[in-house]
Amino acid sequence: MIRTLLPLAVLASAGCTQQRSVAELPAAPAGACTSDGLASLLGKQRGDAAAADAMRLSGARTLRWIEPGMAVTMDYREDRLNLHLSADGKIESARCG
């Protein structure tokens, strides 16, 4: 999963991918989380709009915001999306589990 997001993040930051708005990306089926299309969330500010986009794109049932230095459980849940934030509240990475 990390191997999928890292190249996408690198390409997106290098401007090598076609830019599409989050609204244009297809929604994932609800249930198990999928990381396809989540690179479009990187750099967005934490908020209700970003959460709604993340849930729609991933198909996850639950969302967990993870701030720097925050203690989190290591249990794996296939229906959960973890959004890792920078110190200024922007999404740095998105991972299912």
Protein backbone atom coordinates (compact mmCIF):
# COMPACT_ATOMS: atom_id res chain seq x y z
CA MET A 1 0.00 0.00 0.00
CA ILE A 2 2.81 2.42 0.86
CA ARG A 3 4.51 1.40 -2.38
CA THR A 4 1.38 2.55 -4.21
CA LEU A 5 1.06 5.98 -2.56
CA LEU A 6 4.72 6.99 -2.52
CA PRO A 7 5.26 6.96 -6.30
CA LEU A 8 1.96 8.77 -6.78
CA ALA A 9 2.97 11.44 -4.28
CA VAL A 10 6.34 11.89 -5.98
CA LEU A 11 4.75 12.18 -9.42
CA ALA A 12 2.09 14.58 -8.18
CA SER A 13 4.66 16.83 -6.55
CA ALA A 14 6.79 16.78 -9.71
CA GLY A 15 3.83 17.82 -11.84
CA CYS A 16 3.99 14.65 -13.95
CA THR A 17 0.40 13.58 -13.45
CA GLN A 18 -2.69 14.92 -15.08
CA GLN A 19 -4.37 17.30 -12.63
CA ARG A 20 -8.00 16.46 -11.90
CA SER A 21 -10.16 17.87 -9.17
CA VAL A 22 -11.20 15.55 -6.37
CA ALA A 23 -14.82 15.79 -7.53
CA GLU A 24 -13.86 14.30 -10.93
CA LEU A 25 -12.32 11.16 -9.42
CA PRO A 26 -14.58 8.09 -9.22
CA ALA A 27 -15.91 7.06 -5.83
CA ALA A 28 -14.75 3.76 -4.33
CA PRO A 29 -17.33 1.16 -3.27
CA ALA A 30 -18.21 1.47 0.44
CA GLY A 31 -16.69 -1.04 2.83
CA ALA A 32 -13.06 -2.03 2.53
CA CYS A 33 -10.70 0.92 2.17
CA THR A 34 -8.77 1.32 -1.08
CA SER A 35 -5.82 3.65 -1.60
CA ASP A 36 -6.44 4.30 -5.31
CA GLY A 37 -6.86 8.01 -5.97
CA LEU A 38 -5.86 9.19 -2.51
CA ALA A 39 -2.79 11.05 -3.78
CA SER A 40 -5.14 13.90 -4.73
CA LEU A 41 -5.67 14.55 -0.99
CA LEU A 42 -2.02 15.26 -0.22
CA GLY A 43 -1.43 18.84 0.85
CA LYS A 44 -5.08 19.57 1.60
CA GLN A 45 -5.96 21.23 4.91
CA ARG A 46 -7.74 19.12 7.54
CA GLY A 47 -11.46 19.78 7.53
CA ASP A 48 -14.92 18.50 6.76
CA ALA A 49 -14.51 18.87 2.98
CA ALA A 50 -11.22 16.91 2.98
CA ALA A 51 -12.78 14.23 5.19
CA ALA A 52 -15.77 13.86 2.89
CA ASP A 53 -13.51 13.59 -0.18
CA ALA A 54 -11.28 11.05 1.58
CA MET A 55 -14.21 8.87 2.60
CA ARG A 56 -15.74 9.02 -0.88
CA LEU A 57 -12.48 8.22 -2.68
CA SER A 58 -11.37 5.43 -0.34
CA GLY A 59 -14.70 3.74 0.35
CA ALA A 60 -13.69 3.51 4.02
CA ARG A 61 -16.33 3.44 6.74
CA THR A 62 -14.18 5.18 9.36
CA LEU A 63 -11.59 7.93 9.26
CA ARG A 64 -8.74 8.58 11.66
CA TRP A 65 -6.77 11.85 11.66
CA ILE A 66 -3.23 11.26 12.93
CA GLU A 67 -1.30 14.32 14.13
CA PRO A 68 2.49 14.45 14.57
CA GLY A 69 3.60 12.62 17.73
CA MET A 70 0.12 11.24 18.36
CA ALA A 71 -0.11 7.75 19.88
CA VAL A 72 -2.29 5.41 17.83
CA THR A 73 -3.15 1.75 18.01
CA MET A 74 -1.45 -0.57 15.53
CA ASP A 75 -4.51 -2.73 14.88
CA TYR A 76 -5.44 -3.22 11.24
CA ARG A 77 -8.98 -2.44 10.13
CA GLU A 78 -9.79 -2.90 6.46
CA ASP A 79 -12.60 -0.35 6.66
CA ARG A 80 -10.49 2.49 8.16
CA LEU A 81 -8.60 5.31 6.45
CA ASN A 82 -5.71 6.93 8.31
CA LEU A 83 -4.85 10.49 7.30
CA HIS A 84 -1.44 11.56 8.61
CA LEU A 85 -1.13 15.32 9.16
CA SER A 86 1.76 17.75 9.18
CA ALA A 87 2.27 20.19 12.07
CA ASP A 88 0.22 22.81 10.19
CA GLY A 89 -2.74 20.44 9.68
CA LYS A 90 -2.17 19.44 6.05
CA ILE A 91 -2.51 15.85 4.85
CA GLU A 92 0.95 14.29 4.37
CA SER A 93 -0.12 10.72 3.66
CA ALA A 94 -3.22 8.56 3.42
CA ARG A 95 -3.18 4.87 4.30
CA CYS A 96 -5.80 2.24 4.71
CA GLY A 97 -5.78 0.15 7.84
